[in-house]
Amino acid sequence: MNNNRMENATLGVFERLRNGETIQPNDPEAYKMREASYATKELLIRMNNTSDPAEIRDLLGRITESEIDERTTVFTPLYINYGKNTRIGRNVFINFDCTFLDLGGITIEDNVLIAPKVSLLSEGHPVSPENRQSLVPGPIYIKRNAWIGAHATILPGVTVGENAVVAAGAVVSRDVPDNTVVGGIPAKIIKTI
């Protein structure tokens, strides 16, 4: 066993996901991902059933185990499968009905705008049928002042650059450079701003 494998064997499933390791369905700690999701869901139910902005921020902070800036606005419902691998900067706006799958990690920097029904999916599955039940993580990084349009989907391993705009309905499978507008399926650069 090489040193990396020995080191990874001592890490928990969540740390291994954050390190980019594919988790096999027969992994002895795979059950922990579901348990954590159910615990997160308890807090989400409370968060998604209040209209008090301070309570929403407090509950989201408990879900993410981080402080949510008082200038950050979240219009619920918001759906998160884990939460502890999500980091949200200052003065962020998250509109209604967004979905964050964050086992692979999601970082949202300051002044980001996220429109309704955006999906940030930091995890996926292999294409090959024999391995499809495995979970493949890839961190999502949304840099300062980016704007993610309505119903856009950001796939695992994507960085959205500073000041970039992702057009409504786009499916983003590759990094988006700073100061560009991307759109389409798959998303391509439309223009530079």
Protein backbone atom coordinates (compact mmCIF):
# COMPACT_ATOMS: atom_id res chain seq x y z
CA MET A 1 0.00 0.00 0.00
CA ASN A 2 1.50 3.35 -0.97
CA ASN A 3 1.71 6.25 1.51
CA ASN A 4 -1.26 8.14 -0.01
CA ARG A 5 -3.50 5.09 0.26
CA MET A 6 -2.39 4.44 3.84
CA GLU A 7 -3.01 8.08 4.72
CA ASN A 8 -6.45 8.08 3.05
CA ALA A 9 -7.41 4.87 4.85
CA THR A 10 -7.14 6.72 8.18
CA LEU A 11 -9.31 9.64 7.03
CA GLY A 12 -13.07 9.65 7.45
CA VAL A 13 -15.39 9.50 4.46
CA PHE A 14 -16.07 13.27 4.51
CA GLU A 15 -12.38 14.15 4.52
CA ARG A 16 -11.75 11.67 1.72
CA LEU A 17 -14.53 13.30 -0.33
CA ARG A 18 -13.01 16.75 0.26
CA ASN A 19 -9.67 15.31 -0.92
CA GLY A 20 -11.31 14.25 -4.20
CA GLU A 21 -11.43 10.51 -3.50
CA THR A 22 -14.11 8.45 -5.25
CA ILE A 23 -16.22 6.63 -2.67
CA GLN A 24 -17.25 3.10 -3.62
CA PRO A 25 -20.76 1.89 -2.70
CA ASN A 26 -19.29 -0.82 -0.44
CA ASP A 27 -17.15 1.69 1.50
CA PRO A 28 -17.50 0.87 5.22
CA GLU A 29 -18.30 4.52 5.99
CA ALA A 30 -20.74 5.19 3.13
CA TYR A 31 -23.69 4.98 5.54
CA LYS A 32 -22.36 8.11 7.29
CA MET A 33 -23.20 10.22 4.23
CA ARG A 34 -26.89 9.31 4.48
CA GLU A 35 -26.96 9.78 8.24
CA ALA A 36 -25.45 13.25 7.87
CA SER A 37 -27.97 14.12 5.15
CA TYR A 38 -30.90 13.19 7.39
CA ALA A 39 -29.47 15.30 10.23
CA THR A 40 -29.10 18.24 7.81
CA LYS A 41 -32.67 17.73 6.60
CA GLU A 42 -33.98 18.29 10.15
CA LEU A 43 -32.42 21.76 10.19
CA LEU A 44 -33.48 22.43 6.58
CA ILE A 45 -37.13 21.76 7.43
CA ARG A 46 -36.96 24.40 10.14
CA MET A 47 -35.02 26.84 7.93
CA ASN A 48 -37.37 26.41 4.97
CA ASN A 49 -40.42 27.04 7.17
CA THR A 50 -39.45 30.38 8.64
CA SER A 51 -39.68 33.82 7.09
CA ASP A 52 -37.35 35.48 9.61
CA PRO A 53 -34.08 36.41 7.82
CA ALA A 54 -32.03 36.23 11.04
CA GLU A 55 -33.37 32.76 11.85
CA ILE A 56 -32.66 31.61 8.28
CA ARG A 57 -29.04 32.81 8.61
CA ASP A 58 -28.71 31.20 12.04
CA LEU A 59 -30.01 27.82 10.84
CA LEU A 60 -27.92 27.97 7.67
CA GLY A 61 -24.89 28.71 9.88
CA ARG A 62 -25.68 25.61 11.93
CA ILE A 63 -26.01 23.54 8.74
CA THR A 64 -22.70 24.81 7.31
CA GLU A 65 -20.98 25.05 10.70
CA SER A 66 -19.91 28.59 9.82
CA GLU A 67 -21.05 32.13 10.44
CA ILE A 68 -23.38 33.56 7.79
CA ASP A 69 -22.83 37.29 7.21
CA GLU A 70 -25.78 39.49 8.20
CA ARG A 71 -25.73 41.06 4.71
CA THR A 72 -26.22 37.64 3.12
CA THR A 73 -29.79 36.97 2.03
CA VAL A 74 -31.29 33.54 1.46
CA PHE A 75 -34.79 33.16 0.06
CA THR A 76 -36.02 29.74 1.06
CA PRO A 77 -36.54 26.98 0.19
CA LEU A 78 -32.91 25.99 -0.12
CA TYR A 79 -31.91 22.32 -0.35
CA ILE A 80 -28.53 21.04 0.86
CA ASN A 81 -27.57 17.40 1.22
CA TYR A 82 -24.73 17.80 3.77
CA GLY A 83 -23.91 21.45 4.44
CA LYS A 84 -20.61 21.24 6.29
CA ASN A 85 -18.66 21.49 3.01
CA THR A 86 -20.37 24.74 1.97
CA ARG A 87 -18.71 28.11 2.59
CA ILE A 88 -20.66 31.30 1.90
CA GLY A 89 -19.01 34.72 1.80
CA ARG A 90 -20.32 38.16 2.70
CA ASN A 91 -23.16 39.98 0.96
CA VAL A 92 -24.27 36.91 -1.01
CA PHE A 93 -27.81 36.63 -2.39
CA ILE A 94 -29.32 33.16 -2.87
CA ASN A 95 -32.78 33.18 -4.43
CA PHE A 96 -35.63 30.66 -4.09
CA ASP A 97 -35.46 26.92 -4.72
CA CYS A 98 -31.71 26.30 -5.10
CA THR A 99 -30.02 22.93 -4.59
CA PHE A 100 -26.51 22.49 -3.21
CA LEU A 101 -24.93 19.02 -3.24
CA ASP A 102 -21.78 19.81 -1.30
CA LEU A 103 -20.03 16.56 -0.39
CA GLY A 104 -17.27 17.59 -2.83
CA GLY A 105 -17.18 21.14 -1.45
CA ILE A 106 -18.82 24.42 -2.46
CA THR A 107 -17.20 27.81 -1.92
CA ILE A 108 -19.17 30.98 -2.68
CA GLU A 109 -17.13 34.17 -2.33
CA ASP A 110 -18.39 37.68 -1.45
CA ASN A 111 -21.01 39.58 -3.47
CA VAL A 112 -22.19 36.54 -5.47
CA LEU A 113 -25.74 36.51 -6.87
CA ILE A 114 -27.46 33.15 -7.27
CA ALA A 115 -30.81 33.21 -9.09
CA PRO A 116 -33.80 30.89 -8.52
CA LYS A 117 -33.52 27.15 -9.15
CA VAL A 118 -29.73 27.10 -9.46
CA SER A 119 -28.09 23.71 -8.83
CA LEU A 120 -24.52 23.54 -7.50
CA LEU A 121 -23.59 19.85 -7.79
CA SER A 122 -20.15 19.06 -6.36
CA GLU A 123 -20.63 15.33 -6.69
CA GLY A 124 -21.61 12.91 -9.43
CA HIS A 125 -21.27 9.31 -10.56
CA PRO A 126 -19.02 7.52 -13.07
CA VAL A 127 -20.39 6.98 -16.56
CA SER A 128 -19.42 3.30 -16.67
CA PRO A 129 -22.41 1.16 -15.57
CA GLU A 130 -20.28 -1.20 -13.48
CA ASN A 131 -19.04 1.71 -11.30
CA ARG A 132 -22.09 3.97 -11.41
CA GLN A 133 -23.02 3.55 -7.75
CA SER A 134 -19.72 5.19 -6.73
CA LEU A 135 -19.66 8.84 -5.71
CA VAL A 136 -17.15 11.13 -7.47
CA PRO A 137 -16.56 14.53 -5.80
CA GLY A 138 -15.30 17.72 -7.41
CA PRO A 139 -15.24 21.06 -5.59
CA ILE A 140 -17.17 24.04 -6.95
CA TYR A 141 -15.67 27.48 -6.49
CA ILE A 142 -17.66 30.64 -7.29
CA LYS A 143 -15.46 33.71 -7.16
CA ARG A 144 -16.34 37.24 -6.08
CA ASN A 145 -19.09 39.17 -7.76
CA ALA A 146 -20.19 36.31 -10.04
CA TRP A 147 -23.82 36.04 -11.08
CA ILE A 148 -25.37 32.62 -11.64
CA GLY A 149 -28.57 32.91 -13.73
CA ALA A 150 -31.88 31.16 -13.09
CA HIS A 151 -32.02 27.41 -13.49
CA ALA A 152 -28.28 27.14 -14.25
CA THR A 153 -26.44 23.98 -13.23
CA ILE A 154 -22.80 24.02 -12.13
CA LEU A 155 -21.20 20.56 -12.30
CA PRO A 156 -18.43 19.04 -10.13
CA GLY A 157 -14.95 20.53 -10.32
CA VAL A 158 -15.98 23.86 -11.88
CA THR A 159 -14.63 27.29 -10.93
CA VAL A 160 -16.73 30.30 -11.94
CA GLY A 161 -14.41 33.29 -12.28
CA GLU A 162 -14.57 36.71 -10.68
CA ASN A 163 -17.27 38.98 -12.18
CA ALA A 164 -18.40 36.14 -14.49
CA VAL A 165 -22.02 35.65 -15.52
CA VAL A 166 -23.59 32.25 -16.11
CA ALA A 167 -26.67 32.69 -18.30
CA ALA A 168 -30.03 31.28 -17.29
CA GLY A 169 -30.43 27.59 -18.06
CA ALA A 170 -26.72 26.99 -18.72
CA VAL A 171 -25.05 23.72 -17.80
CA VAL A 172 -21.48 24.50 -16.79
CA SER A 173 -19.04 21.59 -17.04
CA ARG A 174 -15.78 23.58 -17.46
CA ASP A 175 -14.19 26.49 -15.65
CA VAL A 176 -15.56 29.93 -16.46
CA PRO A 177 -12.84 32.61 -16.88
CA ASP A 178 -13.01 35.90 -14.97
CA ASN A 179 -15.07 38.68 -16.62
CA THR A 180 -16.90 36.48 -19.12
CA VAL A 181 -20.50 35.56 -19.88
CA VAL A 182 -21.19 31.90 -20.59
CA GLY A 183 -24.36 30.20 -21.71
CA GLY A 184 -25.81 27.12 -23.36
CA ILE A 185 -25.54 23.37 -22.91
CA PRO A 186 -22.71 22.78 -22.44
CA ALA A 187 -21.88 26.37 -21.48
CA LYS A 188 -19.53 28.25 -23.78
CA ILE A 189 -18.14 31.79 -23.66
CA ILE A 190 -20.59 34.24 -25.21
CA LYS A 191 -18.63 37.42 -24.55
CA THR A 192 -16.07 39.14 -22.38
CA ILE A 193 -17.16 41.94 -20.03
